[in-house]
Amino acid sequence: EYRLLSATERYCIDTNTWEGLPDMPGGPRYGHCAVTTTGSEIYIVGGNNCAMDVFDTGPSLTWLNPTYLRHMPEEREGAAAVVLKNKYLVVIGGADQDWN
């Protein structure tokens, strides 16, 4: 039996160790995708909700709450995402809640 998780962890290649980080906001999440930018941010998009969350990998190692971000118009699980021209976050494919 599987449990849904909100855990965030970081792996250090040099020391071969894992470190626990702050949990994702909004509780457990699955089916999402993650994409990095050229800065210190990781965008978490879609999944079992329409949210877009941002994790700062800089010294603070915290979840950001930028009020300017908009949620996706619909839930999308298992999609792929890329950052294009350091300006666009493009979400491709996936499945919605009616995907039979």
PDB file of N, CA and C in Angstrom:
ATOM      1  N   GLU A   1       0.841  -1.179   0.000  1.00  0.00           N
ATOM      2  CA  GLU A   1       0.000   0.000   0.000  1.00  0.00           C
ATOM      3  C   GLU A   1       0.884   1.241   0.000  1.00  0.00           C
ATOM      4  N   TYR A   2       0.515   2.196  -0.832  1.00  0.00           N
ATOM      5  CA  TYR A   2       1.271   3.440  -0.948  1.00  0.00           C
ATOM      6  C   TYR A   2       0.664   4.535  -0.083  1.00  0.00           C
ATOM      7  N   ARG A   3       1.517   5.440   0.396  1.00  0.00           N
ATOM      8  CA  ARG A   3       1.080   6.641   1.098  1.00  0.00           C
ATOM      9  C   ARG A   3       1.438   7.843   0.236  1.00  0.00           C
ATOM     10  N   LEU A   4       0.559   8.822   0.175  1.00  0.00           N
ATOM     11  CA  LEU A   4       0.880  10.066  -0.516  1.00  0.00           C
ATOM     12  C   LEU A   4       1.776  10.894   0.388  1.00  0.00           C
ATOM     13  N   LEU A   5       2.787  11.533  -0.200  1.00  0.00           N
ATOM     14  CA  LEU A   5       3.779  12.263   0.586  1.00  0.00           C
ATOM     15  C   LEU A   5       3.834  13.735   0.195  1.00  0.00           C
ATOM     16  N   SER A   6       4.228  14.551   1.141  1.00  0.00           N
ATOM     17  CA  SER A   6       4.535  15.953   0.868  1.00  0.00           C
ATOM     18  C   SER A   6       6.015  16.219   1.152  1.00  0.00           C
ATOM     19  N   ALA A   7       6.766  15.164   1.376  1.00  0.00           N
ATOM     20  CA  ALA A   7       8.178  15.270   1.756  1.00  0.00           C
ATOM     21  C   ALA A   7       9.023  15.856   0.627  1.00  0.00           C
ATOM     22  N   THR A   8      10.046  16.599   1.024  1.00  0.00           N
ATOM     23  CA  THR A   8      11.060  17.123   0.111  1.00  0.00           C
ATOM     24  C   THR A   8      12.412  16.727   0.687  1.00  0.00           C
ATOM     25  N   GLU A   9      13.262  16.160  -0.150  1.00  0.00           N
ATOM     26  CA  GLU A   9      14.577  15.700   0.309  1.00  0.00           C
ATOM     27  C   GLU A   9      15.643  16.082  -0.703  1.00  0.00           C
ATOM     28  N   ARG A  10      16.855  16.258  -0.218  1.00  0.00           N
ATOM     29  CA  ARG A  10      17.981  16.623  -1.086  1.00  0.00           C
ATOM     30  C   ARG A  10      19.082  15.594  -0.920  1.00  0.00           C
ATOM     31  N   TYR A  11      19.644  15.167  -2.047  1.00  0.00           N
ATOM     32  CA  TYR A  11      20.735  14.198  -2.049  1.00  0.00           C
ATOM     33  C   TYR A  11      22.045  14.910  -2.356  1.00  0.00           C
ATOM     34  N   CYS A  12      23.083  14.653  -1.556  1.00  0.00           N
ATOM     35  CA  CYS A  12      24.415  15.213  -1.787  1.00  0.00           C
ATOM     36  C   CYS A  12      25.286  14.138  -2.432  1.00  0.00           C
ATOM     37  N   ILE A  13      25.667  14.366  -3.658  1.00  0.00           N
ATOM     38  CA  ILE A  13      26.476  13.397  -4.393  1.00  0.00           C
ATOM     39  C   ILE A  13      27.838  13.208  -3.728  1.00  0.00           C
ATOM     40  N   ASP A  14      28.443  14.310  -3.269  1.00  0.00           N
ATOM     41  CA  ASP A  14      29.786  14.241  -2.680  1.00  0.00           C
ATOM     42  C   ASP A  14      29.847  13.363  -1.431  1.00  0.00           C
ATOM     43  N   THR A  15      28.820  13.467  -0.575  1.00  0.00           N
ATOM     44  CA  THR A  15      28.856  12.726   0.690  1.00  0.00           C
ATOM     45  C   THR A  15      27.943  11.495   0.693  1.00  0.00           C
ATOM     46  N   ASN A  16      27.205  11.292  -0.407  1.00  0.00           N
ATOM     47  CA  ASN A  16      26.301  10.149  -0.524  1.00  0.00           C
ATOM     48  C   ASN A  16      25.294  10.108   0.627  1.00  0.00           C
ATOM     49  N   THR A  17      24.712  11.291   0.931  1.00  0.00           N
ATOM     50  CA  THR A  17      23.757  11.386   2.035  1.00  0.00           C
ATOM     51  C   THR A  17      22.494  12.120   1.594  1.00  0.00           C
ATOM     52  N   TRP A  18      21.403  11.807   2.278  1.00  0.00           N
ATOM     53  CA  TRP A  18      20.115  12.476   2.061  1.00  0.00           C
ATOM     54  C   TRP A  18      19.843  13.415   3.223  1.00  0.00           C
ATOM     55  N   GLU A  19      19.165  14.531   2.921  1.00  0.00           N
ATOM     56  CA  GLU A  19      18.802  15.524   3.930  1.00  0.00           C
ATOM     57  C   GLU A  19      17.335  15.889   3.753  1.00  0.00           C
ATOM     58  N   GLY A  20      16.581  15.860   4.848  1.00  0.00           N
ATOM     59  CA  GLY A  20      15.183  16.272   4.802  1.00  0.00           C
ATOM     60  C   GLY A  20      15.065  17.781   4.699  1.00  0.00           C
ATOM     61  N   LEU A  21      14.133  18.247   3.857  1.00  0.00           N
ATOM     62  CA  LEU A  21      13.867  19.670   3.677  1.00  0.00           C
ATOM     63  C   LEU A  21      12.400  19.936   4.033  1.00  0.00           C
ATOM     64  N   PRO A  22      11.966  21.197   4.074  1.00  0.00           N
ATOM     65  CA  PRO A  22      10.571  21.485   4.416  1.00  0.00           C
ATOM     66  C   PRO A  22       9.584  20.801   3.457  1.00  0.00           C
ATOM     67  N   ASP A  23       8.490  20.293   4.018  1.00  0.00           N
ATOM     68  CA  ASP A  23       7.455  19.637   3.210  1.00  0.00           C
ATOM     69  C   ASP A  23       6.833  20.601   2.209  1.00  0.00           C
ATOM     70  N   MET A  24       6.304  20.029   1.116  1.00  0.00           N
ATOM     71  CA  MET A  24       5.598  20.827   0.125  1.00  0.00           C
ATOM     72  C   MET A  24       4.376  21.477   0.766  1.00  0.00           C
ATOM     73  N   PRO A  25       4.072  22.710   0.375  1.00  0.00           N
ATOM     74  CA  PRO A  25       2.865  23.352   0.900  1.00  0.00           C
ATOM     75  C   PRO A  25       1.624  22.670   0.327  1.00  0.00           C
ATOM     76  N   GLY A  26       0.546  22.729   1.040  1.00  0.00           N
ATOM     77  CA  GLY A  26      -0.695  22.164   0.522  1.00  0.00           C
ATOM     78  C   GLY A  26      -0.871  20.688   0.772  1.00  0.00           C
ATOM     79  N   GLY A  27       0.064  20.065   1.459  1.00  0.00           N
ATOM     80  CA  GLY A  27      -0.080  18.652   1.785  1.00  0.00           C
ATOM     81  C   GLY A  27       0.408  17.719   0.698  1.00  0.00           C
ATOM     82  N   PRO A  28       0.097  16.428   0.830  1.00  0.00           N
ATOM     83  CA  PRO A  28       0.586  15.422  -0.115  1.00  0.00           C
ATOM     84  C   PRO A  28       0.207  15.735  -1.563  1.00  0.00           C
ATOM     85  N   ARG A  29       1.090  15.315  -2.471  1.00  0.00           N
ATOM     86  CA  ARG A  29       0.891  15.602  -3.888  1.00  0.00           C
ATOM     87  C   ARG A  29       1.505  14.482  -4.702  1.00  0.00           C
ATOM     88  N   TYR A  30       0.895  14.173  -5.844  1.00  0.00           N
ATOM     89  CA  TYR A  30       1.432  13.148  -6.739  1.00  0.00           C
ATOM     90  C   TYR A  30       1.139  13.522  -8.181  1.00  0.00           C
ATOM     91  N   GLY A  31       1.868  12.915  -9.104  1.00  0.00           N
ATOM     92  CA  GLY A  31       1.636  13.129 -10.529  1.00  0.00           C
ATOM     93  C   GLY A  31       2.110  14.466 -11.055  1.00  0.00           C
ATOM     94  N   HIS A  32       2.847  15.221 -10.246  1.00  0.00           N
ATOM     95  CA  HIS A  32       3.318  16.542 -10.651  1.00  0.00           C
ATOM     96  C   HIS A  32       4.633  16.437 -11.418  1.00  0.00           C
ATOM     97  N   CYS A  33       5.081  17.559 -11.932  1.00  0.00           N
ATOM     98  CA  CYS A  33       6.401  17.607 -12.554  1.00  0.00           C
ATOM     99  C   CYS A  33       7.182  18.757 -11.930  1.00  0.00           C
ATOM    100  N   ALA A  34       8.484  18.688 -12.057  1.00  0.00           N
ATOM    101  CA  ALA A  34       9.358  19.704 -11.484  1.00  0.00           C
ATOM    102  C   ALA A  34      10.340  20.168 -12.549  1.00  0.00           C
ATOM    103  N   VAL A  35      10.623  21.449 -12.557  1.00  0.00           N
ATOM    104  CA  VAL A  35      11.561  22.005 -13.527  1.00  0.00           C
ATOM    105  C   VAL A  35      12.354  23.125 -12.853  1.00  0.00           C
ATOM    106  N   THR A  36      13.637  23.205 -13.181  1.00  0.00           N
ATOM    107  CA  THR A  36      14.486  24.244 -12.591  1.00  0.00           C
ATOM    108  C   THR A  36      14.655  25.402 -13.563  1.00  0.00           C
ATOM    109  N   THR A  37      15.038  26.526 -13.000  1.00  0.00           N
ATOM    110  CA  THR A  37      15.370  27.693 -13.799  1.00  0.00           C
ATOM    111  C   THR A  37      16.879  27.906 -13.689  1.00  0.00           C
ATOM    112  N   THR A  38      17.372  28.945 -14.320  1.00  0.00           N
ATOM    113  CA  THR A  38      18.811  29.207 -14.237  1.00  0.00           C
ATOM    114  C   THR A  38      19.186  29.789 -12.885  1.00  0.00           C
ATOM    115  N   GLY A  39      18.210  30.193 -12.105  1.00  0.00           N
ATOM    116  CA  GLY A  39      18.467  30.711 -10.765  1.00  0.00           C
ATOM    117  C   GLY A  39      18.444  29.590  -9.754  1.00  0.00           C
ATOM    118  N   SER A  40      17.894  29.881  -8.598  1.00  0.00           N
ATOM    119  CA  SER A  40      17.898  28.901  -7.516  1.00  0.00           C
ATOM    120  C   SER A  40      16.505  28.324  -7.251  1.00  0.00           C
ATOM    121  N   GLU A  41      15.595  28.449  -8.205  1.00  0.00           N
ATOM    122  CA  GLU A  41      14.223  28.026  -7.973  1.00  0.00           C
ATOM    123  C   GLU A  41      13.862  26.745  -8.721  1.00  0.00           C
ATOM    124  N   ILE A  42      13.040  25.932  -8.056  1.00  0.00           N
ATOM    125  CA  ILE A  42      12.440  24.750  -8.682  1.00  0.00           C
ATOM    126  C   ILE A  42      10.939  24.983  -8.698  1.00  0.00           C
ATOM    127  N   TYR A  43      10.328  24.875  -9.868  1.00  0.00           N
ATOM    128  CA  TYR A  43       8.878  25.024  -9.999  1.00  0.00           C
ATOM    129  C   TYR A  43       8.243  23.642  -9.986  1.00  0.00           C
ATOM    130  N   ILE A  44       7.243  23.456  -9.143  1.00  0.00           N
ATOM    131  CA  ILE A  44       6.479  22.219  -9.053  1.00  0.00           C
ATOM    132  C   ILE A  44       5.117  22.529  -9.653  1.00  0.00           C
ATOM    133  N   VAL A  45       4.725  21.764 -10.685  1.00  0.00           N
ATOM    134  CA  VAL A  45       3.542  22.115 -11.467  1.00  0.00           C
ATOM    135  C   VAL A  45       2.588  20.937 -11.572  1.00  0.00           C
ATOM    136  N   GLY A  46       1.302  21.230 -11.418  1.00  0.00           N
ATOM    137  CA  GLY A  46       0.251  20.255 -11.684  1.00  0.00           C
ATOM    138  C   GLY A  46       0.247  19.081 -10.733  1.00  0.00           C
ATOM    139  N   GLY A  47      -0.173  17.950 -11.263  1.00  0.00           N
ATOM    140  CA  GLY A  47      -0.341  16.760 -10.451  1.00  0.00           C
ATOM    141  C   GLY A  47      -1.799  16.602 -10.076  1.00  0.00           C
ATOM    142  N   ASN A  48      -2.043  16.160  -8.861  1.00  0.00           N
ATOM    143  CA  ASN A  48      -3.414  15.940  -8.417  1.00  0.00           C
ATOM    144  C   ASN A  48      -4.104  17.233  -7.984  1.00  0.00           C
ATOM    145  N   ASN A  49      -3.532  18.374  -8.332  1.00  0.00           N
ATOM    146  CA  ASN A  49      -4.189  19.666  -8.142  1.00  0.00           C
ATOM    147  C   ASN A  49      -3.684  20.623  -9.218  1.00  0.00           C
ATOM    148  N   CYS A  50      -4.162  21.836  -9.209  1.00  0.00           N
ATOM    149  CA  CYS A  50      -3.794  22.831 -10.231  1.00  0.00           C
ATOM    150  C   CYS A  50      -2.685  23.770  -9.774  1.00  0.00           C
ATOM    151  N   ALA A  51      -2.111  23.499  -8.622  1.00  0.00           N
ATOM    152  CA  ALA A  51      -1.170  24.434  -8.015  1.00  0.00           C
ATOM    153  C   ALA A  51       0.162  24.505  -8.751  1.00  0.00           C
ATOM    154  N   MET A  52       0.822  25.650  -8.590  1.00  0.00           N
ATOM    155  CA  MET A  52       2.209  25.820  -9.004  1.00  0.00           C
ATOM    156  C   MET A  52       2.940  26.354  -7.786  1.00  0.00           C
ATOM    157  N   ASP A  53       3.907  25.593  -7.305  1.00  0.00           N
ATOM    158  CA  ASP A  53       4.674  25.971  -6.122  1.00  0.00           C
ATOM    159  C   ASP A  53       6.129  26.179  -6.503  1.00  0.00           C
ATOM    160  N   VAL A  54       6.835  26.965  -5.693  1.00  0.00           N
ATOM    161  CA  VAL A  54       8.235  27.291  -5.981  1.00  0.00           C
ATOM    162  C   VAL A  54       9.071  27.006  -4.740  1.00  0.00           C
ATOM    163  N   PHE A  55      10.148  26.224  -4.940  1.00  0.00           N
ATOM    164  CA  PHE A  55      11.090  25.939  -3.864  1.00  0.00           C
ATOM    165  C   PHE A  55      12.389  26.662  -4.157  1.00  0.00           C
ATOM    166  N   ASP A  56      12.893  27.416  -3.183  1.00  0.00           N
ATOM    167  CA  ASP A  56      14.147  28.152  -3.326  1.00  0.00           C
ATOM    168  C   ASP A  56      15.288  27.282  -2.819  1.00  0.00           C
ATOM    169  N   THR A  57      16.205  26.932  -3.711  1.00  0.00           N
ATOM    170  CA  THR A  57      17.338  26.085  -3.336  1.00  0.00           C
ATOM    171  C   THR A  57      18.522  26.902  -2.833  1.00  0.00           C
ATOM    172  N   GLY A  58      18.325  28.206  -2.691  1.00  0.00           N
ATOM    173  CA  GLY A  58      19.385  29.066  -2.156  1.00  0.00           C
ATOM    174  C   GLY A  58      19.613  28.775  -0.679  1.00  0.00           C
ATOM    175  N   PRO A  59      20.318  29.658  -0.001  1.00  0.00           N
ATOM    176  CA  PRO A  59      20.663  29.416   1.406  1.00  0.00           C
ATOM    177  C   PRO A  59      19.460  29.161   2.320  1.00  0.00           C
ATOM    178  N   SER A  60      18.286  29.725   1.979  1.00  0.00           N
ATOM    179  CA  SER A  60      17.129  29.587   2.873  1.00  0.00           C
ATOM    180  C   SER A  60      16.462  28.208   2.787  1.00  0.00           C
ATOM    181  N   LEU A  61      16.579  27.513   1.653  1.00  0.00           N
ATOM    182  CA  LEU A  61      15.937  26.211   1.449  1.00  0.00           C
ATOM    183  C   LEU A  61      14.486  26.222   1.922  1.00  0.00           C
ATOM    184  N   THR A  62      13.702  27.142   1.371  1.00  0.00           N
ATOM    185  CA  THR A  62      12.314  27.290   1.782  1.00  0.00           C
ATOM    186  C   THR A  62      11.374  27.315   0.582  1.00  0.00           C
ATOM    187  N   TRP A  63      10.109  27.028   0.855  1.00  0.00           N
ATOM    188  CA  TRP A  63       9.061  27.178  -0.147  1.00  0.00           C
ATOM    189  C   TRP A  63       8.680  28.647  -0.207  1.00  0.00           C
ATOM    190  N   LEU A  64       8.589  29.172  -1.409  1.00  0.00           N
ATOM    191  CA  LEU A  64       8.207  30.564  -1.605  1.00  0.00           C
ATOM    192  C   LEU A  64       6.702  30.630  -1.837  1.00  0.00           C
ATOM    193  N   ASN A  65       6.128  31.782  -1.601  1.00  0.00           N
ATOM    194  CA  ASN A  65       4.714  31.981  -1.827  1.00  0.00           C
ATOM    195  C   ASN A  65       4.501  33.230  -2.680  1.00  0.00           C
ATOM    196  N   PRO A  66       5.014  33.205  -3.927  1.00  0.00           N
ATOM    197  CA  PRO A  66       4.858  34.400  -4.759  1.00  0.00           C
ATOM    198  C   PRO A  66       3.387  34.603  -5.126  1.00  0.00           C
ATOM    199  N   THR A  67       2.846  35.733  -4.773  1.00  0.00           N
ATOM    200  CA  THR A  67       1.429  35.992  -5.028  1.00  0.00           C
ATOM    201  C   THR A  67       1.137  36.230  -6.503  1.00  0.00           C
ATOM    202  N   TYR A  68       2.167  36.471  -7.307  1.00  0.00           N
ATOM    203  CA  TYR A  68       1.952  36.723  -8.730  1.00  0.00           C
ATOM    204  C   TYR A  68       1.753  35.440  -9.542  1.00  0.00           C
ATOM    205  N   LEU A  69       2.043  34.274  -8.971  1.00  0.00           N
ATOM    206  CA  LEU A  69       1.884  33.021  -9.708  1.00  0.00           C
ATOM    207  C   LEU A  69       0.418  32.652  -9.849  1.00  0.00           C
ATOM    208  N   ARG A  70       0.080  32.106 -11.000  1.00  0.00           N
ATOM    209  CA  ARG A  70      -1.287  31.641 -11.228  1.00  0.00           C
ATOM    210  C   ARG A  70      -1.285  30.130 -11.287  1.00  0.00           C
ATOM    211  N   HIS A  71      -2.325  29.526 -10.742  1.00  0.00           N
ATOM    212  CA  HIS A  71      -2.470  28.077 -10.838  1.00  0.00           C
ATOM    213  C   HIS A  71      -2.799  27.683 -12.274  1.00  0.00           C
ATOM    214  N   MET A  72      -2.558  26.417 -12.597  1.00  0.00           N
ATOM    215  CA  MET A  72      -2.928  25.906 -13.915  1.00  0.00           C
ATOM    216  C   MET A  72      -4.449  25.919 -14.049  1.00  0.00           C
ATOM    217  N   PRO A  73      -4.959  26.021 -15.280  1.00  0.00           N
ATOM    218  CA  PRO A  73      -6.411  26.071 -15.455  1.00  0.00           C
ATOM    219  C   PRO A  73      -7.115  24.751 -15.142  1.00  0.00           C
ATOM    220  N   GLU A  74      -6.373  23.639 -15.144  1.00  0.00           N
ATOM    221  CA  GLU A  74      -6.979  22.339 -14.848  1.00  0.00           C
ATOM    222  C   GLU A  74      -5.936  21.406 -14.245  1.00  0.00           C
ATOM    223  N   GLU A  75      -6.406  20.374 -13.530  1.00  0.00           N
ATOM    224  CA  GLU A  75      -5.478  19.368 -13.010  1.00  0.00           C
ATOM    225  C   GLU A  75      -4.846  18.639 -14.190  1.00  0.00           C
ATOM    226  N   ARG A  76      -3.543  18.324 -14.042  1.00  0.00           N
ATOM    227  CA  ARG A  76      -2.851  17.591 -15.097  1.00  0.00           C
ATOM    228  C   ARG A  76      -1.804  16.711 -14.446  1.00  0.00           C
ATOM    229  N   GLU A  77      -2.030  15.404 -14.489  1.00  0.00           N
ATOM    230  CA  GLU A  77      -1.102  14.452 -13.879  1.00  0.00           C
ATOM    231  C   GLU A  77      -0.177  13.862 -14.929  1.00  0.00           C
ATOM    232  N   GLY A  78       1.071  13.613 -14.521  1.00  0.00           N
ATOM    233  CA  GLY A  78       2.029  12.919 -15.373  1.00  0.00           C
ATOM    234  C   GLY A  78       2.507  13.708 -16.573  1.00  0.00           C
ATOM    235  N   ALA A  79       2.412  15.009 -16.535  1.00  0.00           N
ATOM    236  CA  ALA A  79       2.862  15.841 -17.645  1.00  0.00           C
ATOM    237  C   ALA A  79       4.380  16.033 -17.593  1.00  0.00           C
ATOM    238  N   ALA A  80       4.920  16.552 -18.666  1.00  0.00           N
ATOM    239  CA  ALA A  80       6.331  16.952 -18.713  1.00  0.00           C
ATOM    240  C   ALA A  80       6.374  18.474 -18.708  1.00  0.00           C
ATOM    241  N   ALA A  81       7.480  19.038 -18.250  1.00  0.00           N
ATOM    242  CA  ALA A  81       7.612  20.496 -18.244  1.00  0.00           C
ATOM    243  C   ALA A  81       9.038  20.891 -18.597  1.00  0.00           C
ATOM    244  N   VAL A  82       9.173  22.002 -19.292  1.00  0.00           N
ATOM    245  CA  VAL A  82      10.476  22.571 -19.630  1.00  0.00           C
ATOM    246  C   VAL A  82      10.399  24.082 -19.475  1.00  0.00           C
ATOM    247  N   VAL A  83      11.556  24.700 -19.243  1.00  0.00           N
ATOM    248  CA  VAL A  83      11.648  26.152 -19.279  1.00  0.00           C
ATOM    249  C   VAL A  83      12.225  26.518 -20.638  1.00  0.00           C
ATOM    250  N   LEU A  84      11.541  27.407 -21.341  1.00  0.00           N
ATOM    251  CA  LEU A  84      11.927  27.781 -22.691  1.00  0.00           C
ATOM    252  C   LEU A  84      12.372  29.241 -22.708  1.00  0.00           C
ATOM    253  N   LYS A  85      13.559  29.481 -23.233  1.00  0.00           N
ATOM    254  CA  LYS A  85      14.122  30.831 -23.374  1.00  0.00           C
ATOM    255  C   LYS A  85      14.182  31.582 -22.053  1.00  0.00           C
ATOM    256  N   ASN A  86      14.227  30.847 -20.952  1.00  0.00           N
ATOM    257  CA  ASN A  86      14.268  31.421 -19.608  1.00  0.00           C
ATOM    258  C   ASN A  86      13.118  32.408 -19.372  1.00  0.00           C
ATOM    259  N   LYS A  87      12.013  32.182 -20.114  1.00  0.00           N
ATOM    260  CA  LYS A  87      10.874  33.084 -20.029  1.00  0.00           C
ATOM    261  C   LYS A  87       9.551  32.341 -19.875  1.00  0.00           C
ATOM    262  N   TYR A  88       9.471  31.142 -20.444  1.00  0.00           N
ATOM    263  CA  TYR A  88       8.223  30.390 -20.442  1.00  0.00           C
ATOM    264  C   TYR A  88       8.400  29.049 -19.748  1.00  0.00           C
ATOM    265  N   LEU A  89       7.430  28.663 -18.958  1.00  0.00           N
ATOM    266  CA  LEU A  89       7.374  27.325 -18.402  1.00  0.00           C
ATOM    267  C   LEU A  89       6.302  26.599 -19.215  1.00  0.00           C
ATOM    268  N   VAL A  90       6.706  25.608 -19.997  1.00  0.00           N
ATOM    269  CA  VAL A  90       5.803  24.910 -20.905  1.00  0.00           C
ATOM    270  C   VAL A  90       5.469  23.546 -20.318  1.00  0.00           C
ATOM    271  N   VAL A  91       4.174  23.268 -20.149  1.00  0.00           N
ATOM    272  CA  VAL A  91       3.699  21.981 -19.633  1.00  0.00           C
ATOM    273  C   VAL A  91       3.113  21.209 -20.805  1.00  0.00           C
ATOM    274  N   ILE A  92       3.551  19.941 -20.963  1.00  0.00           N
ATOM    275  CA  ILE A  92       3.208  19.164 -22.152  1.00  0.00           C
ATOM    276  C   ILE A  92       2.551  17.848 -21.748  1.00  0.00           C
ATOM    277  N   GLY A  93       1.417  17.563 -22.344  1.00  0.00           N
ATOM    278  CA  GLY A  93       0.757  16.269 -22.160  1.00  0.00           C
ATOM    279  C   GLY A  93       0.220  16.046 -20.761  1.00  0.00           C
ATOM    280  N   GLY A  94       0.186  14.768 -20.370  1.00  0.00           N
ATOM    281  CA  GLY A  94      -0.350  14.395 -19.077  1.00  0.00           C
ATOM    282  C   GLY A  94      -1.779  13.893 -19.225  1.00  0.00           C
ATOM    283  N   ALA A  95      -2.462  13.782 -18.114  1.00  0.00           N
ATOM    284  CA  ALA A  95      -3.842  13.282 -18.091  1.00  0.00           C
ATOM    285  C   ALA A  95      -4.667  14.153 -17.155  1.00  0.00           C
ATOM    286  N   ASP A  96      -5.934  14.383 -17.539  1.00  0.00           N
ATOM    287  CA  ASP A  96      -6.818  15.099 -16.634  1.00  0.00           C
ATOM    288  C   ASP A  96      -7.688  14.099 -15.893  1.00  0.00           C
ATOM    289  N   GLN A  97      -8.603  14.578 -15.088  1.00  0.00           N
ATOM    290  CA  GLN A  97      -9.399  13.688 -14.261  1.00  0.00           C
ATOM    291  C   GLN A  97     -10.410  12.862 -15.049  1.00  0.00           C
ATOM    292  N   ASP A  98     -10.605  13.134 -16.337  1.00  0.00           N
ATOM    293  CA  ASP A  98     -11.561  12.385 -17.165  1.00  0.00           C
ATOM    294  C   ASP A  98     -10.842  11.477 -18.170  1.00  0.00           C
ATOM    295  N   TRP A  99      -9.642  11.031 -17.893  1.00  0.00           N
ATOM    296  CA  TRP A  99      -8.784  10.366 -18.883  1.00  0.00           C
ATOM    297  C   TRP A  99      -9.110   8.928 -19.197  1.00  0.00           C
ATOM    298  N   ASN A 100     -10.116   8.329 -18.762  1.00  0.00           N
ATOM    299  CA  ASN A 100     -10.417   6.912 -19.005  1.00  0.00           C
ATOM    300  C   ASN A 100      -9.807   6.468 -20.281  1.00  0.00           C
TER     301      ASN A 100
END
